[in-house]
Amino acid sequence: MKDNRIRKRILMAFIGVTVSGMAVGLFRNARFGTDPFQVFVNGISNKLTFMDFGTLYMIINLLMLLLIFFLNKHHIGISTFVNIFLLGYVVQFSDDVVAGIIGDSPSMPVRIALLAAGLVILCFASAMYFTADLGVSTYDAVSLILTERKLGKFRYLRITTDLICVIVGFALGSVVGVGTVVTAFFMGPLIDFFRVHAARPFLYGKG
């Protein structure tokens, strides 16, 4: 039973991280704006013009990793480092594949479908690797730690951290689209939904 659960956790972590990268590729091709954390990093990138985006993104994640280590290192695991060092390549692959399928000028219905599919799949994937408990991305760890400290329910704390990222990023010159706003308000509740109705039943059984 224990070995079976460990295998399930590893599978959930692999599916979660990989599928989340694919979902971001869908989201990017929808062209309705990036997710809140990307808006935040883009805003800082606008001010630190001497540094390329990839390097800045890694530095921010490593600084957050250091903070999380002192707050609750339990959230640091295999999935954390996959997110920092490998997720970008999965996103790029997904981005290229989807772009090759839909072309340079997708219709509005196609863009809306990509946005909806990307958001739902990303939330499902996040719920899977959160529940696997083999580490999460540095940004995801923030709302989880706040929840553990009894500062509120996860869904509302996630909305709060997303909105803070959007506001700071926008103030620093980052572009905010309708997809950014939709993600900020709906990602937390959707992740919570999939954790309760999909990820936990898969790992622990319906009973």
C-alpha atoms as a PDB file:
ATOM      1  CA  MET A   1       0.000   0.000   0.000  1.00  0.00           C
ATOM      2  CA  LYS A   2       2.784   2.416   0.986  1.00  0.00           C
ATOM      3  CA  ASP A   3       4.855   1.609  -2.130  1.00  0.00           C
ATOM      4  CA  ASN A   4       1.775   2.041  -4.308  1.00  0.00           C
ATOM      5  CA  ARG A   5       1.114   5.476  -2.818  1.00  0.00           C
ATOM      6  CA  ILE A   6       4.724   6.530  -3.395  1.00  0.00           C
ATOM      7  CA  ARG A   7       4.430   5.483  -7.044  1.00  0.00           C
ATOM      8  CA  LYS A   8       1.216   7.470  -7.317  1.00  0.00           C
ATOM      9  CA  ARG A   9       2.892  10.563  -5.835  1.00  0.00           C
ATOM     10  CA  ILE A  10       5.793  10.340  -8.301  1.00  0.00           C
ATOM     11  CA  LEU A  11       3.346   9.897 -11.190  1.00  0.00           C
ATOM     12  CA  MET A  12       1.253  12.850 -10.001  1.00  0.00           C
ATOM     13  CA  ALA A  13       4.339  15.053  -9.684  1.00  0.00           C
ATOM     14  CA  PHE A  14       5.556  14.115 -13.171  1.00  0.00           C
ATOM     15  CA  ILE A  15       2.126  14.642 -14.742  1.00  0.00           C
ATOM     16  CA  GLY A  16       1.589  17.867 -12.821  1.00  0.00           C
ATOM     17  CA  VAL A  17       4.831  19.576 -13.797  1.00  0.00           C
ATOM     18  CA  THR A  18       4.842  18.351 -17.409  1.00  0.00           C
ATOM     19  CA  VAL A  19       1.184  19.092 -18.107  1.00  0.00           C
ATOM     20  CA  SER A  20       1.408  22.513 -16.455  1.00  0.00           C
ATOM     21  CA  GLY A  21       4.166  23.420 -18.918  1.00  0.00           C
ATOM     22  CA  MET A  22       1.977  22.287 -21.809  1.00  0.00           C
ATOM     23  CA  ALA A  23      -0.942  24.301 -20.420  1.00  0.00           C
ATOM     24  CA  VAL A  24       1.157  27.466 -20.296  1.00  0.00           C
ATOM     25  CA  GLY A  25       1.906  26.920 -23.991  1.00  0.00           C
ATOM     26  CA  LEU A  26      -1.849  26.960 -24.680  1.00  0.00           C
ATOM     27  CA  PHE A  27      -2.247  30.024 -22.501  1.00  0.00           C
ATOM     28  CA  ARG A  28       0.492  31.940 -24.302  1.00  0.00           C
ATOM     29  CA  ASN A  29      -0.966  31.176 -27.721  1.00  0.00           C
ATOM     30  CA  ALA A  30      -4.343  32.518 -26.583  1.00  0.00           C
ATOM     31  CA  ARG A  31      -2.642  35.953 -26.542  1.00  0.00           C
ATOM     32  CA  PHE A  32      -4.801  37.367 -23.779  1.00  0.00           C
ATOM     33  CA  GLY A  33      -1.938  38.208 -21.440  1.00  0.00           C
ATOM     34  CA  THR A  34       0.378  36.140 -19.265  1.00  0.00           C
ATOM     35  CA  ASP A  35      -0.252  34.698 -15.808  1.00  0.00           C
ATOM     36  CA  PRO A  36       0.206  36.957 -12.728  1.00  0.00           C
ATOM     37  CA  PHE A  37       3.701  35.761 -11.785  1.00  0.00           C
ATOM     38  CA  GLN A  38       4.926  36.277 -15.355  1.00  0.00           C
ATOM     39  CA  VAL A  39       3.443  39.801 -15.258  1.00  0.00           C
ATOM     40  CA  PHE A  40       5.407  40.435 -12.063  1.00  0.00           C
ATOM     41  CA  VAL A  41       8.691  39.184 -13.533  1.00  0.00           C
ATOM     42  CA  ASN A  42       8.098  41.050 -16.809  1.00  0.00           C
ATOM     43  CA  GLY A  43       7.611  44.268 -14.840  1.00  0.00           C
ATOM     44  CA  ILE A  44      10.935  43.853 -13.049  1.00  0.00           C
ATOM     45  CA  SER A  45      12.554  42.940 -16.368  1.00  0.00           C
ATOM     46  CA  ASN A  46      11.370  46.261 -17.809  1.00  0.00           C
ATOM     47  CA  LYS A  47      13.409  48.085 -15.178  1.00  0.00           C
ATOM     48  CA  LEU A  48      16.473  45.830 -15.177  1.00  0.00           C
ATOM     49  CA  THR A  49      17.211  46.175 -18.879  1.00  0.00           C
ATOM     50  CA  PHE A  50      20.833  45.065 -18.436  1.00  0.00           C
ATOM     51  CA  MET A  51      19.690  41.516 -17.603  1.00  0.00           C
ATOM     52  CA  ASP A  52      18.000  39.039 -19.950  1.00  0.00           C
ATOM     53  CA  PHE A  53      14.613  37.647 -18.927  1.00  0.00           C
ATOM     54  CA  GLY A  54      15.753  34.039 -18.500  1.00  0.00           C
ATOM     55  CA  THR A  55      18.526  34.969 -16.085  1.00  0.00           C
ATOM     56  CA  LEU A  56      16.259  37.311 -14.130  1.00  0.00           C
ATOM     57  CA  TYR A  57      13.539  34.652 -13.891  1.00  0.00           C
ATOM     58  CA  MET A  58      16.010  32.148 -12.468  1.00  0.00           C
ATOM     59  CA  ILE A  59      17.461  34.655  -9.976  1.00  0.00           C
ATOM     60  CA  ILE A  60      13.998  35.606  -8.683  1.00  0.00           C
ATOM     61  CA  ASN A  61      13.101  31.929  -8.278  1.00  0.00           C
ATOM     62  CA  LEU A  62      16.353  31.173  -6.469  1.00  0.00           C
ATOM     63  CA  LEU A  63      15.807  34.115  -4.084  1.00  0.00           C
ATOM     64  CA  MET A  64      12.283  32.871  -3.394  1.00  0.00           C
ATOM     65  CA  LEU A  65      13.692  29.369  -2.912  1.00  0.00           C
ATOM     66  CA  LEU A  66      16.000  30.710  -0.198  1.00  0.00           C
ATOM     67  CA  LEU A  67      13.062  32.405   1.541  1.00  0.00           C
ATOM     68  CA  ILE A  68      10.935  29.255   1.369  1.00  0.00           C
ATOM     69  CA  PHE A  69      13.814  27.199   2.785  1.00  0.00           C
ATOM     70  CA  PHE A  70      13.640  29.236   5.991  1.00  0.00           C
ATOM     71  CA  LEU A  71       9.826  29.469   6.133  1.00  0.00           C
ATOM     72  CA  ASN A  72       8.989  25.840   5.333  1.00  0.00           C
ATOM     73  CA  LYS A  73      11.524  23.751   3.449  1.00  0.00           C
ATOM     74  CA  HIS A  74       8.988  20.911   3.308  1.00  0.00           C
ATOM     75  CA  HIS A  75       7.695  22.470   0.076  1.00  0.00           C
ATOM     76  CA  ILE A  76      11.102  22.118  -1.601  1.00  0.00           C
ATOM     77  CA  GLY A  77      11.490  18.883  -3.525  1.00  0.00           C
ATOM     78  CA  ILE A  78      12.048  17.353  -6.935  1.00  0.00           C
ATOM     79  CA  SER A  79       9.149  19.272  -8.455  1.00  0.00           C
ATOM     80  CA  THR A  80      10.627  22.564  -7.228  1.00  0.00           C
ATOM     81  CA  PHE A  81      13.869  22.137  -9.146  1.00  0.00           C
ATOM     82  CA  VAL A  82      12.108  20.787 -12.234  1.00  0.00           C
ATOM     83  CA  ASN A  83      10.022  23.965 -12.197  1.00  0.00           C
ATOM     84  CA  ILE A  84      13.056  26.213 -11.869  1.00  0.00           C
ATOM     85  CA  PHE A  85      15.373  24.590 -14.391  1.00  0.00           C
ATOM     86  CA  LEU A  86      13.280  22.508 -16.837  1.00  0.00           C
ATOM     87  CA  LEU A  87       9.734  23.861 -16.990  1.00  0.00           C
ATOM     88  CA  GLY A  88      10.741  26.623 -19.378  1.00  0.00           C
ATOM     89  CA  TYR A  89      11.771  24.092 -22.019  1.00  0.00           C
ATOM     90  CA  VAL A  90       8.424  22.269 -21.760  1.00  0.00           C
ATOM     91  CA  VAL A  91       6.617  25.589 -22.131  1.00  0.00           C
ATOM     92  CA  GLN A  92       8.680  26.489 -25.187  1.00  0.00           C
ATOM     93  CA  PHE A  93       8.024  23.094 -26.798  1.00  0.00           C
ATOM     94  CA  SER A  94       4.289  23.368 -26.165  1.00  0.00           C
ATOM     95  CA  ASP A  95       4.275  26.960 -27.396  1.00  0.00           C
ATOM     96  CA  ASP A  96       5.959  25.979 -30.674  1.00  0.00           C
ATOM     97  CA  VAL A  97       3.702  22.954 -31.269  1.00  0.00           C
ATOM     98  CA  VAL A  98       0.468  24.859 -30.623  1.00  0.00           C
ATOM     99  CA  ALA A  99       1.636  27.818 -32.720  1.00  0.00           C
ATOM    100  CA  GLY A 100       2.411  25.441 -35.577  1.00  0.00           C
ATOM    101  CA  ILE A 101      -1.115  24.026 -35.398  1.00  0.00           C
ATOM    102  CA  ILE A 102      -3.152  27.237 -35.078  1.00  0.00           C
ATOM    103  CA  GLY A 103      -0.963  29.484 -37.246  1.00  0.00           C
ATOM    104  CA  ASP A 104      -0.073  33.145 -36.825  1.00  0.00           C
ATOM    105  CA  SER A 105      -3.611  34.555 -36.801  1.00  0.00           C
ATOM    106  CA  PRO A 106      -5.981  32.312 -34.833  1.00  0.00           C
ATOM    107  CA  SER A 107      -9.647  33.306 -34.743  1.00  0.00           C
ATOM    108  CA  MET A 108     -11.216  34.744 -31.598  1.00  0.00           C
ATOM    109  CA  PRO A 109     -13.136  31.508 -30.802  1.00  0.00           C
ATOM    110  CA  VAL A 110      -9.862  29.555 -31.044  1.00  0.00           C
ATOM    111  CA  ARG A 111      -8.105  32.028 -28.738  1.00  0.00           C
ATOM    112  CA  ILE A 112     -10.928  31.855 -26.199  1.00  0.00           C
ATOM    113  CA  ALA A 113     -10.857  28.043 -26.338  1.00  0.00           C
ATOM    114  CA  LEU A 114      -7.079  28.063 -25.772  1.00  0.00           C
ATOM    115  CA  LEU A 115      -7.461  30.408 -22.803  1.00  0.00           C
ATOM    116  CA  ALA A 116     -10.185  28.280 -21.199  1.00  0.00           C
ATOM    117  CA  ALA A 117      -8.388  24.987 -21.869  1.00  0.00           C
ATOM    118  CA  GLY A 118      -5.040  26.358 -20.699  1.00  0.00           C
ATOM    119  CA  LEU A 119      -6.496  27.678 -17.449  1.00  0.00           C
ATOM    120  CA  VAL A 120      -8.410  24.498 -16.578  1.00  0.00           C
ATOM    121  CA  ILE A 121      -5.522  22.177 -17.489  1.00  0.00           C
ATOM    122  CA  LEU A 122      -3.000  24.331 -15.604  1.00  0.00           C
ATOM    123  CA  CYS A 123      -5.158  24.274 -12.473  1.00  0.00           C
ATOM    124  CA  PHE A 124      -5.648  20.497 -12.727  1.00  0.00           C
ATOM    125  CA  ALA A 125      -1.898  19.956 -13.187  1.00  0.00           C
ATOM    126  CA  SER A 126      -1.077  22.256 -10.265  1.00  0.00           C
ATOM    127  CA  ALA A 127      -3.518  20.392  -8.021  1.00  0.00           C
ATOM    128  CA  MET A 128      -1.868  17.099  -8.961  1.00  0.00           C
ATOM    129  CA  TYR A 129       1.670  18.101  -8.064  1.00  0.00           C
ATOM    130  CA  PHE A 130       0.576  20.069  -4.972  1.00  0.00           C
ATOM    131  CA  THR A 131      -1.098  16.922  -3.623  1.00  0.00           C
ATOM    132  CA  ALA A 132       1.855  14.708  -4.618  1.00  0.00           C
ATOM    133  CA  ASP A 133       3.793  16.676  -1.985  1.00  0.00           C
ATOM    134  CA  LEU A 134       7.165  16.279  -3.687  1.00  0.00           C
ATOM    135  CA  GLY A 135       7.843  19.994  -3.850  1.00  0.00           C
ATOM    136  CA  VAL A 136       6.132  22.849  -5.661  1.00  0.00           C
ATOM    137  CA  SER A 137       7.269  25.902  -7.605  1.00  0.00           C
ATOM    138  CA  THR A 138       8.588  28.762  -5.498  1.00  0.00           C
ATOM    139  CA  TYR A 139       5.614  30.977  -6.315  1.00  0.00           C
ATOM    140  CA  ASP A 140       3.062  28.245  -5.597  1.00  0.00           C
ATOM    141  CA  ALA A 141       4.725  27.630  -2.235  1.00  0.00           C
ATOM    142  CA  VAL A 142       3.926  31.174  -1.072  1.00  0.00           C
ATOM    143  CA  SER A 143       0.139  30.726  -0.937  1.00  0.00           C
ATOM    144  CA  LEU A 144       0.513  27.214   0.493  1.00  0.00           C
ATOM    145  CA  ILE A 145       2.700  28.492   3.353  1.00  0.00           C
ATOM    146  CA  LEU A 146       0.261  31.337   4.066  1.00  0.00           C
ATOM    147  CA  THR A 147      -2.565  28.780   4.188  1.00  0.00           C
ATOM    148  CA  GLU A 148      -0.624  26.584   6.630  1.00  0.00           C
ATOM    149  CA  ARG A 149      -0.126  29.607   8.871  1.00  0.00           C
ATOM    150  CA  LYS A 150      -3.919  29.914   9.135  1.00  0.00           C
ATOM    151  CA  LEU A 151      -4.058  33.300   7.401  1.00  0.00           C
ATOM    152  CA  GLY A 152      -7.049  32.252   5.305  1.00  0.00           C
ATOM    153  CA  LYS A 153      -8.323  29.683   2.834  1.00  0.00           C
ATOM    154  CA  PHE A 154      -6.013  28.732  -0.023  1.00  0.00           C
ATOM    155  CA  ARG A 155      -8.348  29.966  -2.761  1.00  0.00           C
ATOM    156  CA  TYR A 156      -8.499  33.484  -1.303  1.00  0.00           C
ATOM    157  CA  LEU A 157      -4.809  33.683  -0.456  1.00  0.00           C
ATOM    158  CA  ARG A 158      -3.934  32.587  -4.000  1.00  0.00           C
ATOM    159  CA  ILE A 159      -6.190  35.309  -5.416  1.00  0.00           C
ATOM    160  CA  THR A 160      -4.444  37.817  -3.130  1.00  0.00           C
ATOM    161  CA  THR A 161      -0.898  36.844  -4.163  1.00  0.00           C
ATOM    162  CA  ASP A 162      -1.929  36.813  -7.837  1.00  0.00           C
ATOM    163  CA  LEU A 163      -3.467  40.295  -7.570  1.00  0.00           C
ATOM    164  CA  ILE A 164      -0.357  41.637  -5.813  1.00  0.00           C
ATOM    165  CA  CYS A 165       1.800  40.299  -8.663  1.00  0.00           C
ATOM    166  CA  VAL A 166      -0.503  41.874 -11.254  1.00  0.00           C
ATOM    167  CA  ILE A 167      -0.564  45.260  -9.505  1.00  0.00           C
ATOM    168  CA  VAL A 168       3.215  45.387  -8.977  1.00  0.00           C
ATOM    169  CA  GLY A 169       3.931  44.160 -12.505  1.00  0.00           C
ATOM    170  CA  PHE A 170       1.525  46.661 -14.046  1.00  0.00           C
ATOM    171  CA  ALA A 171       3.034  49.492 -11.973  1.00  0.00           C
ATOM    172  CA  LEU A 172       6.454  48.531 -13.366  1.00  0.00           C
ATOM    173  CA  GLY A 173       5.212  48.671 -16.953  1.00  0.00           C
ATOM    174  CA  SER A 174       4.176  45.080 -17.624  1.00  0.00           C
ATOM    175  CA  VAL A 175       1.237  44.391 -19.949  1.00  0.00           C
ATOM    176  CA  VAL A 176      -1.917  43.066 -18.300  1.00  0.00           C
ATOM    177  CA  GLY A 177      -4.530  41.302 -20.438  1.00  0.00           C
ATOM    178  CA  VAL A 178      -7.929  39.769 -19.828  1.00  0.00           C
ATOM    179  CA  GLY A 179      -6.236  36.378 -19.433  1.00  0.00           C
ATOM    180  CA  THR A 180      -4.147  37.788 -16.591  1.00  0.00           C
ATOM    181  CA  VAL A 181      -7.235  39.018 -14.763  1.00  0.00           C
ATOM    182  CA  VAL A 182      -9.140  35.765 -15.352  1.00  0.00           C
ATOM    183  CA  THR A 183      -6.193  33.772 -14.019  1.00  0.00           C
ATOM    184  CA  ALA A 184      -5.817  35.999 -10.964  1.00  0.00           C
ATOM    185  CA  PHE A 185      -9.434  35.467  -9.907  1.00  0.00           C
ATOM    186  CA  PHE A 186     -10.082  31.871 -10.949  1.00  0.00           C
ATOM    187  CA  MET A 187      -6.828  29.934 -10.586  1.00  0.00           C
ATOM    188  CA  GLY A 188      -6.974  29.648  -6.787  1.00  0.00           C
ATOM    189  CA  PRO A 189     -10.576  28.366  -6.624  1.00  0.00           C
ATOM    190  CA  LEU A 190     -10.020  25.963  -9.551  1.00  0.00           C
ATOM    191  CA  ILE A 191      -6.859  24.481  -8.026  1.00  0.00           C
ATOM    192  CA  ASP A 192      -8.766  24.027  -4.776  1.00  0.00           C
ATOM    193  CA  PHE A 193     -11.603  22.299  -6.676  1.00  0.00           C
ATOM    194  CA  PHE A 194      -9.282  19.845  -8.431  1.00  0.00           C
ATOM    195  CA  ARG A 195      -7.379  19.080  -5.223  1.00  0.00           C
ATOM    196  CA  VAL A 196     -10.615  18.052  -3.499  1.00  0.00           C
ATOM    197  CA  HIS A 197     -12.358  16.303  -6.390  1.00  0.00           C
ATOM    198  CA  ALA A 198      -9.496  14.799  -8.418  1.00  0.00           C
ATOM    199  CA  ALA A 199      -6.018  14.777  -6.872  1.00  0.00           C
ATOM    200  CA  ARG A 200      -6.841  13.628  -3.337  1.00  0.00           C
ATOM    201  CA  PRO A 201      -9.320  10.916  -4.438  1.00  0.00           C
ATOM    202  CA  PHE A 202      -6.703   9.608  -6.893  1.00  0.00           C
ATOM    203  CA  LEU A 203      -3.993   9.450  -4.221  1.00  0.00           C
ATOM    204  CA  TYR A 204      -5.980   8.305  -1.203  1.00  0.00           C
ATOM    205  CA  GLY A 205      -9.024   6.663  -2.771  1.00  0.00           C
ATOM    206  CA  LYS A 206     -12.602   7.854  -2.676  1.00  0.00           C
ATOM    207  CA  GLY A 207     -13.224   6.367   0.712  1.00  0.00           C
END
